[in-house]
Amino acid sequence: MLPCKMIRTRLAIEAPPEAIWRELMDFPSYPHWNPFLRSVCGEPILGARLSVRLCPPSSKPIPLQAEVLRVVPNQECRWIGRWLFPGLVDLEHRIFLEAQPPEITILHYRQTLRGLLAPCIWRFQRQSSRPGMEAMNEALKQRVERAIWR
């Protein structure tokens, strides 16, 4: 089994999962509001290839080629990017929406780092990704709630 490290974030958003999902799957809008995933090109469908540009705070942008692993509309999107070859550095992103009545949704964003080099880059990954993930969550919350409560 390859070494595995995980970062988890969560945030309550005052909106139904459908409203949040619409924003999350609107990849072309990411440059306008998303401070962490500045660019995602491709379609959120199982097996699709994505070109992703991660922009961790206080770090250079990281280009990544990824594959969509799972899509459950209004609930979950999961994709994995690999560096050079599978098992060297694999970075999986999972976004999961948990409905909490009335009209509250918990956004879970998890990043899992696996691979032979995972222990070597874990400290950098943790320090750079967590603030970026939290900034993305907060930006999404503001964007969705602003649209819902207009």
N, C-alpha and C. Protein backbone atom coordinates (compact mmCIF):
# COMPACT_ATOMS: atom_id res chain seq x y z
N MET A 1 0.84 -1.19 0.00
CA MET A 1 0.00 0.00 0.00
C MET A 1 0.88 1.25 0.00
N LEU A 2 0.56 2.20 -0.86
CA LEU A 2 1.35 3.42 -0.97
C LEU A 2 1.01 4.37 0.18
N PRO A 3 2.00 5.17 0.60
CA PRO A 3 1.73 6.16 1.65
C PRO A 3 0.58 7.08 1.26
N CYS A 4 -0.23 7.47 2.25
CA CYS A 4 -1.42 8.28 2.00
C CYS A 4 -1.54 9.37 3.07
N LYS A 5 -1.78 10.60 2.63
CA LYS A 5 -2.00 11.73 3.53
C LYS A 5 -3.26 12.44 3.06
N MET A 6 -4.00 13.05 4.00
CA MET A 6 -5.28 13.66 3.65
C MET A 6 -5.47 15.02 4.31
N ILE A 7 -6.06 15.93 3.55
CA ILE A 7 -6.49 17.24 4.06
C ILE A 7 -8.01 17.27 3.92
N ARG A 8 -8.70 17.66 4.98
CA ARG A 8 -10.16 17.75 4.95
C ARG A 8 -10.60 19.14 5.36
N THR A 9 -11.56 19.67 4.61
CA THR A 9 -12.19 20.93 4.99
C THR A 9 -13.69 20.74 4.87
N ARG A 10 -14.43 21.58 5.59
CA ARG A 10 -15.89 21.56 5.49
C ARG A 10 -16.43 22.93 5.83
N LEU A 11 -17.59 23.23 5.27
CA LEU A 11 -18.19 24.54 5.48
C LEU A 11 -19.69 24.44 5.25
N ALA A 12 -20.47 25.06 6.13
CA ALA A 12 -21.93 25.10 5.96
C ALA A 12 -22.28 26.26 5.03
N ILE A 13 -23.15 25.97 4.07
CA ILE A 13 -23.60 26.98 3.11
C ILE A 13 -25.12 27.02 3.18
N GLU A 14 -25.68 28.22 3.27
CA GLU A 14 -27.13 28.39 3.33
C GLU A 14 -27.71 28.36 1.93
N ALA A 15 -27.79 27.16 1.38
CA ALA A 15 -28.32 26.96 0.03
C ALA A 15 -28.55 25.46 -0.17
N PRO A 16 -29.45 25.12 -1.09
CA PRO A 16 -29.66 23.70 -1.39
C PRO A 16 -28.48 23.14 -2.21
N PRO A 17 -28.27 21.84 -2.15
CA PRO A 17 -27.16 21.25 -2.90
C PRO A 17 -27.18 21.58 -4.39
N GLU A 18 -28.37 21.67 -4.97
CA GLU A 18 -28.47 21.95 -6.41
C GLU A 18 -27.84 23.28 -6.78
N ALA A 19 -28.01 24.30 -5.95
CA ALA A 19 -27.44 25.62 -6.24
C ALA A 19 -25.91 25.58 -6.14
N ILE A 20 -25.40 24.86 -5.17
CA ILE A 20 -23.95 24.74 -5.00
C ILE A 20 -23.37 23.92 -6.14
N TRP A 21 -24.03 22.84 -6.48
CA TRP A 21 -23.57 21.96 -7.56
C TRP A 21 -23.46 22.73 -8.87
N ARG A 22 -24.45 23.57 -9.17
CA ARG A 22 -24.43 24.37 -10.40
C ARG A 22 -23.14 25.18 -10.49
N GLU A 23 -22.77 25.83 -9.40
CA GLU A 23 -21.55 26.64 -9.40
C GLU A 23 -20.30 25.77 -9.50
N LEU A 24 -20.29 24.66 -8.77
CA LEU A 24 -19.11 23.78 -8.80
C LEU A 24 -18.87 23.18 -10.18
N MET A 25 -19.92 22.86 -10.91
CA MET A 25 -19.77 22.24 -12.22
C MET A 25 -19.62 23.25 -13.35
N ASP A 26 -19.72 24.52 -13.05
CA ASP A 26 -19.54 25.57 -14.05
C ASP A 26 -18.05 25.93 -14.12
N PHE A 27 -17.26 25.01 -14.66
CA PHE A 27 -15.81 25.21 -14.72
C PHE A 27 -15.39 26.51 -15.41
N PRO A 28 -16.05 26.94 -16.50
CA PRO A 28 -15.63 28.19 -17.15
C PRO A 28 -15.71 29.42 -16.24
N SER A 29 -16.53 29.36 -15.18
CA SER A 29 -16.64 30.53 -14.29
C SER A 29 -15.54 30.56 -13.23
N TYR A 30 -14.77 29.50 -13.07
CA TYR A 30 -13.78 29.42 -12.00
C TYR A 30 -12.81 30.61 -11.96
N PRO A 31 -12.28 31.07 -13.09
CA PRO A 31 -11.33 32.20 -13.01
C PRO A 31 -11.94 33.46 -12.40
N HIS A 32 -13.26 33.57 -12.42
CA HIS A 32 -13.93 34.77 -11.89
C HIS A 32 -14.11 34.74 -10.38
N TRP A 33 -14.07 33.55 -9.77
CA TRP A 33 -14.36 33.51 -8.34
C TRP A 33 -13.50 32.55 -7.53
N ASN A 34 -12.89 31.57 -8.16
CA ASN A 34 -12.22 30.50 -7.41
C ASN A 34 -10.73 30.81 -7.22
N PRO A 35 -10.30 31.12 -6.00
CA PRO A 35 -8.90 31.48 -5.78
C PRO A 35 -7.93 30.29 -5.76
N PHE A 36 -8.44 29.07 -5.68
CA PHE A 36 -7.58 27.89 -5.57
C PHE A 36 -7.53 27.09 -6.86
N LEU A 37 -8.69 26.70 -7.38
CA LEU A 37 -8.75 26.02 -8.67
C LEU A 37 -9.02 27.11 -9.71
N ARG A 38 -7.96 27.77 -10.13
CA ARG A 38 -8.12 28.93 -11.00
C ARG A 38 -8.63 28.57 -12.39
N SER A 39 -8.34 27.34 -12.81
CA SER A 39 -8.77 26.92 -14.13
C SER A 39 -9.01 25.41 -14.14
N VAL A 40 -10.16 25.02 -14.64
CA VAL A 40 -10.46 23.61 -14.87
C VAL A 40 -11.10 23.53 -16.25
N CYS A 41 -10.44 22.82 -17.15
CA CYS A 41 -10.94 22.65 -18.52
C CYS A 41 -11.29 21.19 -18.73
N GLY A 42 -12.47 20.95 -19.25
CA GLY A 42 -12.95 19.59 -19.47
C GLY A 42 -14.37 19.48 -18.98
N GLU A 43 -14.92 18.29 -19.07
CA GLU A 43 -16.30 18.05 -18.67
C GLU A 43 -16.35 17.18 -17.41
N PRO A 44 -17.23 17.51 -16.48
CA PRO A 44 -17.36 16.70 -15.26
C PRO A 44 -18.17 15.43 -15.50
N ILE A 45 -17.61 14.53 -16.31
CA ILE A 45 -18.26 13.25 -16.57
C ILE A 45 -17.25 12.13 -16.32
N LEU A 46 -17.74 10.99 -15.89
CA LEU A 46 -16.90 9.86 -15.53
C LEU A 46 -15.91 9.52 -16.64
N GLY A 47 -14.63 9.43 -16.28
CA GLY A 47 -13.58 9.06 -17.23
C GLY A 47 -13.02 10.21 -18.03
N ALA A 48 -13.63 11.39 -17.94
CA ALA A 48 -13.16 12.54 -18.72
C ALA A 48 -11.80 13.02 -18.21
N ARG A 49 -11.05 13.63 -19.10
CA ARG A 49 -9.77 14.23 -18.76
C ARG A 49 -9.99 15.71 -18.45
N LEU A 50 -9.32 16.18 -17.42
CA LEU A 50 -9.39 17.59 -17.03
C LEU A 50 -7.99 18.19 -17.05
N SER A 51 -7.90 19.43 -17.48
CA SER A 51 -6.67 20.21 -17.31
C SER A 51 -6.96 21.18 -16.18
N VAL A 52 -6.18 21.07 -15.11
CA VAL A 52 -6.43 21.84 -13.89
C VAL A 52 -5.23 22.72 -13.59
N ARG A 53 -5.51 23.93 -13.11
CA ARG A 53 -4.45 24.81 -12.64
C ARG A 53 -4.74 25.16 -11.19
N LEU A 54 -3.99 24.53 -10.28
CA LEU A 54 -4.10 24.81 -8.85
C LEU A 54 -3.26 26.04 -8.54
N CYS A 55 -3.78 26.92 -7.72
CA CYS A 55 -3.03 28.11 -7.31
C CYS A 55 -3.03 28.21 -5.79
N PRO A 56 -2.18 27.43 -5.14
CA PRO A 56 -2.10 27.53 -3.68
C PRO A 56 -1.59 28.91 -3.27
N PRO A 57 -2.09 29.46 -2.17
CA PRO A 57 -1.58 30.75 -1.70
C PRO A 57 -0.07 30.66 -1.45
N SER A 58 0.63 31.71 -1.75
CA SER A 58 2.08 31.80 -1.51
C SER A 58 2.86 30.72 -2.23
N SER A 59 2.39 30.31 -3.40
CA SER A 59 3.08 29.28 -4.16
C SER A 59 2.85 29.52 -5.65
N LYS A 60 3.68 28.93 -6.46
CA LYS A 60 3.50 29.02 -7.90
C LYS A 60 2.31 28.17 -8.33
N PRO A 61 1.64 28.56 -9.42
CA PRO A 61 0.56 27.72 -9.94
C PRO A 61 1.07 26.33 -10.31
N ILE A 62 0.22 25.34 -10.12
CA ILE A 62 0.58 23.95 -10.39
C ILE A 62 -0.35 23.41 -11.47
N PRO A 63 0.17 23.18 -12.70
CA PRO A 63 -0.67 22.57 -13.73
C PRO A 63 -0.78 21.07 -13.48
N LEU A 64 -1.95 20.52 -13.76
CA LEU A 64 -2.19 19.12 -13.46
C LEU A 64 -3.15 18.54 -14.49
N GLN A 65 -2.83 17.38 -15.01
CA GLN A 65 -3.75 16.64 -15.86
C GLN A 65 -4.47 15.63 -14.96
N ALA A 66 -5.77 15.59 -15.05
CA ALA A 66 -6.55 14.77 -14.12
C ALA A 66 -7.59 13.94 -14.87
N GLU A 67 -8.12 12.97 -14.15
CA GLU A 67 -9.19 12.12 -14.68
C GLU A 67 -10.34 12.12 -13.68
N VAL A 68 -11.55 12.27 -14.19
CA VAL A 68 -12.75 12.25 -13.35
C VAL A 68 -13.03 10.80 -12.94
N LEU A 69 -13.09 10.56 -11.63
CA LEU A 69 -13.31 9.22 -11.09
C LEU A 69 -14.76 8.93 -10.73
N ARG A 70 -15.49 9.98 -10.33
CA ARG A 70 -16.87 9.76 -9.87
C ARG A 70 -17.64 11.08 -9.96
N VAL A 71 -18.86 10.98 -10.44
CA VAL A 71 -19.77 12.13 -10.46
C VAL A 71 -21.15 11.64 -10.07
N VAL A 72 -21.69 12.20 -9.00
CA VAL A 72 -23.07 11.94 -8.59
C VAL A 72 -23.72 13.32 -8.52
N PRO A 73 -24.57 13.67 -9.50
CA PRO A 73 -25.14 15.01 -9.55
C PRO A 73 -25.72 15.47 -8.21
N ASN A 74 -25.42 16.71 -7.88
CA ASN A 74 -25.87 17.37 -6.65
C ASN A 74 -25.31 16.74 -5.38
N GLN A 75 -24.29 15.90 -5.53
CA GLN A 75 -23.75 15.22 -4.36
C GLN A 75 -22.23 15.12 -4.34
N GLU A 76 -21.61 14.59 -5.40
CA GLU A 76 -20.18 14.31 -5.32
C GLU A 76 -19.48 14.42 -6.67
N CYS A 77 -18.27 14.99 -6.64
CA CYS A 77 -17.37 14.98 -7.79
C CYS A 77 -15.98 14.63 -7.26
N ARG A 78 -15.34 13.67 -7.93
CA ARG A 78 -14.02 13.22 -7.49
C ARG A 78 -13.13 13.06 -8.72
N TRP A 79 -11.91 13.59 -8.63
CA TRP A 79 -10.96 13.46 -9.73
C TRP A 79 -9.55 13.27 -9.18
N ILE A 80 -8.68 12.70 -10.01
CA ILE A 80 -7.31 12.43 -9.58
C ILE A 80 -6.33 12.94 -10.63
N GLY A 81 -5.28 13.58 -10.13
CA GLY A 81 -4.18 14.01 -10.98
C GLY A 81 -2.94 13.22 -10.60
N ARG A 82 -2.17 12.86 -11.60
CA ARG A 82 -0.96 12.08 -11.34
C ARG A 82 0.25 12.80 -11.92
N TRP A 83 1.36 12.69 -11.19
CA TRP A 83 2.59 13.32 -11.64
C TRP A 83 3.49 12.25 -12.24
N LEU A 84 3.87 12.43 -13.49
CA LEU A 84 4.71 11.53 -14.28
C LEU A 84 4.07 10.17 -14.54
N PHE A 85 3.85 9.37 -13.51
CA PHE A 85 3.21 8.07 -13.71
C PHE A 85 2.45 7.69 -12.44
N PRO A 86 1.41 6.85 -12.57
CA PRO A 86 0.61 6.46 -11.40
C PRO A 86 1.48 5.84 -10.30
N GLY A 87 1.24 6.30 -9.08
CA GLY A 87 1.96 5.75 -7.93
C GLY A 87 3.16 6.56 -7.49
N LEU A 88 3.59 7.53 -8.31
CA LEU A 88 4.69 8.39 -7.88
C LEU A 88 4.13 9.49 -6.98
N VAL A 89 3.24 10.31 -7.54
CA VAL A 89 2.48 11.30 -6.77
C VAL A 89 1.08 11.33 -7.36
N ASP A 90 0.10 10.90 -6.60
CA ASP A 90 -1.30 10.91 -7.01
C ASP A 90 -2.05 11.85 -6.08
N LEU A 91 -2.73 12.83 -6.65
CA LEU A 91 -3.46 13.82 -5.86
C LEU A 91 -4.94 13.73 -6.21
N GLU A 92 -5.73 13.23 -5.26
CA GLU A 92 -7.16 13.06 -5.49
C GLU A 92 -7.94 14.17 -4.78
N HIS A 93 -8.89 14.75 -5.51
CA HIS A 93 -9.78 15.78 -4.96
C HIS A 93 -11.18 15.20 -4.91
N ARG A 94 -11.84 15.36 -3.77
CA ARG A 94 -13.22 14.91 -3.62
C ARG A 94 -14.03 16.04 -3.00
N ILE A 95 -15.08 16.42 -3.69
CA ILE A 95 -16.01 17.42 -3.18
C ILE A 95 -17.35 16.71 -3.00
N PHE A 96 -17.88 16.80 -1.78
CA PHE A 96 -19.10 16.09 -1.43
C PHE A 96 -20.06 17.07 -0.77
N LEU A 97 -21.31 17.04 -1.20
CA LEU A 97 -22.35 17.92 -0.63
C LEU A 97 -23.29 17.09 0.23
N GLU A 98 -23.48 17.54 1.46
CA GLU A 98 -24.34 16.85 2.42
C GLU A 98 -25.51 17.77 2.79
N ALA A 99 -26.70 17.42 2.34
CA ALA A 99 -27.89 18.24 2.62
C ALA A 99 -28.27 18.15 4.09
N GLN A 100 -28.56 19.30 4.67
CA GLN A 100 -29.00 19.41 6.07
C GLN A 100 -30.22 20.33 6.08
N PRO A 101 -31.41 19.77 6.23
CA PRO A 101 -32.60 20.63 6.22
C PRO A 101 -32.58 21.64 7.36
N PRO A 102 -33.19 22.77 7.24
CA PRO A 102 -33.78 23.30 6.02
C PRO A 102 -32.78 24.18 5.26
N GLU A 103 -32.57 23.90 4.02
CA GLU A 103 -31.77 24.74 3.11
C GLU A 103 -30.33 24.99 3.57
N ILE A 104 -29.74 24.05 4.24
CA ILE A 104 -28.32 24.14 4.61
C ILE A 104 -27.63 22.95 3.94
N THR A 105 -26.46 23.20 3.39
CA THR A 105 -25.66 22.13 2.80
C THR A 105 -24.26 22.22 3.38
N ILE A 106 -23.73 21.08 3.78
CA ILE A 106 -22.35 21.02 4.25
C ILE A 106 -21.48 20.65 3.05
N LEU A 107 -20.54 21.53 2.74
CA LEU A 107 -19.57 21.29 1.67
C LEU A 107 -18.36 20.61 2.30
N HIS A 108 -18.05 19.41 1.84
CA HIS A 108 -16.85 18.69 2.27
C HIS A 108 -15.88 18.71 1.10
N TYR A 109 -14.67 19.16 1.33
CA TYR A 109 -13.64 19.15 0.29
C TYR A 109 -12.44 18.41 0.87
N ARG A 110 -12.10 17.31 0.23
CA ARG A 110 -11.01 16.46 0.72
C ARG A 110 -9.96 16.31 -0.38
N GLN A 111 -8.71 16.42 0.03
CA GLN A 111 -7.60 16.20 -0.89
C GLN A 111 -6.75 15.07 -0.31
N THR A 112 -6.52 14.03 -1.11
CA THR A 112 -5.74 12.88 -0.66
C THR A 112 -4.48 12.78 -1.51
N LEU A 113 -3.36 12.71 -0.84
CA LEU A 113 -2.06 12.60 -1.50
C LEU A 113 -1.53 11.19 -1.27
N ARG A 114 -1.23 10.50 -2.37
CA ARG A 114 -0.70 9.14 -2.30
C ARG A 114 0.52 9.04 -3.20
N GLY A 115 1.30 8.00 -2.99
CA GLY A 115 2.40 7.72 -3.90
C GLY A 115 3.73 7.62 -3.18
N LEU A 116 4.71 7.17 -3.92
CA LEU A 116 6.04 6.98 -3.36
C LEU A 116 6.63 8.27 -2.80
N LEU A 117 6.35 9.40 -3.46
CA LEU A 117 6.91 10.67 -3.01
C LEU A 117 6.00 11.44 -2.06
N ALA A 118 4.84 10.88 -1.74
CA ALA A 118 3.89 11.57 -0.85
C ALA A 118 4.52 12.01 0.46
N PRO A 119 5.28 11.16 1.15
CA PRO A 119 5.87 11.60 2.42
C PRO A 119 6.84 12.77 2.25
N CYS A 120 7.50 12.83 1.09
CA CYS A 120 8.49 13.89 0.85
C CYS A 120 7.85 15.25 0.62
N ILE A 121 6.67 15.27 0.02
CA ILE A 121 6.05 16.56 -0.30
C ILE A 121 4.86 16.89 0.58
N TRP A 122 4.55 16.03 1.55
CA TRP A 122 3.37 16.22 2.39
C TRP A 122 3.37 17.56 3.11
N ARG A 123 4.47 17.92 3.72
CA ARG A 123 4.49 19.17 4.50
C ARG A 123 4.16 20.37 3.62
N PHE A 124 4.81 20.44 2.46
CA PHE A 124 4.51 21.53 1.53
C PHE A 124 3.04 21.47 1.11
N GLN A 125 2.58 20.29 0.77
CA GLN A 125 1.20 20.13 0.30
C GLN A 125 0.20 20.59 1.36
N ARG A 126 0.41 20.17 2.58
CA ARG A 126 -0.51 20.54 3.67
C ARG A 126 -0.51 22.05 3.89
N GLN A 127 0.69 22.65 3.91
CA GLN A 127 0.79 24.09 4.18
C GLN A 127 0.24 24.94 3.04
N SER A 128 0.34 24.44 1.82
CA SER A 128 -0.11 25.25 0.69
C SER A 128 -1.56 24.97 0.31
N SER A 129 -1.99 23.73 0.41
CA SER A 129 -3.33 23.39 -0.07
C SER A 129 -4.45 23.74 0.89
N ARG A 130 -4.27 23.51 2.19
CA ARG A 130 -5.37 23.78 3.13
C ARG A 130 -5.86 25.23 3.03
N PRO A 131 -4.99 26.24 3.07
CA PRO A 131 -5.49 27.61 2.94
C PRO A 131 -6.19 27.85 1.60
N GLY A 132 -5.70 27.23 0.54
CA GLY A 132 -6.34 27.38 -0.76
C GLY A 132 -7.72 26.74 -0.80
N MET A 133 -7.83 25.56 -0.22
CA MET A 133 -9.12 24.87 -0.17
C MET A 133 -10.12 25.67 0.66
N GLU A 134 -9.67 26.19 1.79
CA GLU A 134 -10.56 26.99 2.64
C GLU A 134 -10.98 28.28 1.95
N ALA A 135 -10.06 28.90 1.21
CA ALA A 135 -10.41 30.12 0.47
C ALA A 135 -11.43 29.81 -0.63
N MET A 136 -11.26 28.68 -1.30
CA MET A 136 -12.22 28.27 -2.31
C MET A 136 -13.60 28.03 -1.69
N ASN A 137 -13.63 27.31 -0.59
CA ASN A 137 -14.90 27.04 0.10
C ASN A 137 -15.62 28.34 0.44
N GLU A 138 -14.89 29.28 1.01
CA GLU A 138 -15.48 30.56 1.43
C GLU A 138 -15.96 31.36 0.22
N ALA A 139 -15.18 31.37 -0.85
CA ALA A 139 -15.59 32.09 -2.06
C ALA A 139 -16.85 31.47 -2.66
N LEU A 140 -16.93 30.15 -2.65
CA LEU A 140 -18.11 29.46 -3.15
C LEU A 140 -19.33 29.79 -2.29
N LYS A 141 -19.16 29.78 -0.98
CA LYS A 141 -20.24 30.12 -0.05
C LYS A 141 -20.77 31.52 -0.35
N GLN A 142 -19.88 32.49 -0.46
CA GLN A 142 -20.30 33.86 -0.72
C GLN A 142 -21.03 33.98 -2.05
N ARG A 143 -20.49 33.32 -3.07
CA ARG A 143 -21.09 33.40 -4.41
C ARG A 143 -22.49 32.79 -4.43
N VAL A 144 -22.64 31.60 -3.85
CA VAL A 144 -23.93 30.91 -3.87
C VAL A 144 -24.95 31.63 -2.99
N GLU A 145 -24.55 32.00 -1.78
CA GLU A 145 -25.50 32.66 -0.88
C GLU A 145 -25.93 34.02 -1.42
N ARG A 146 -25.02 34.74 -2.05
CA ARG A 146 -25.37 36.03 -2.65
C ARG A 146 -26.43 35.83 -3.73
N ALA A 147 -26.27 34.80 -4.56
CA ALA A 147 -27.23 34.53 -5.64
C ALA A 147 -28.57 34.06 -5.08
N ILE A 148 -28.55 33.25 -4.03
CA ILE A 148 -29.78 32.71 -3.44
C ILE A 148 -30.59 33.79 -2.74
N TRP A 149 -29.91 34.65 -2.01
CA TRP A 149 -30.61 35.60 -1.14
C TRP A 149 -30.81 36.97 -1.76
N ARG A 150 -30.66 37.08 -3.07
CA ARG A 150 -30.94 38.36 -3.75
C ARG A 150 -32.40 38.64 -3.80
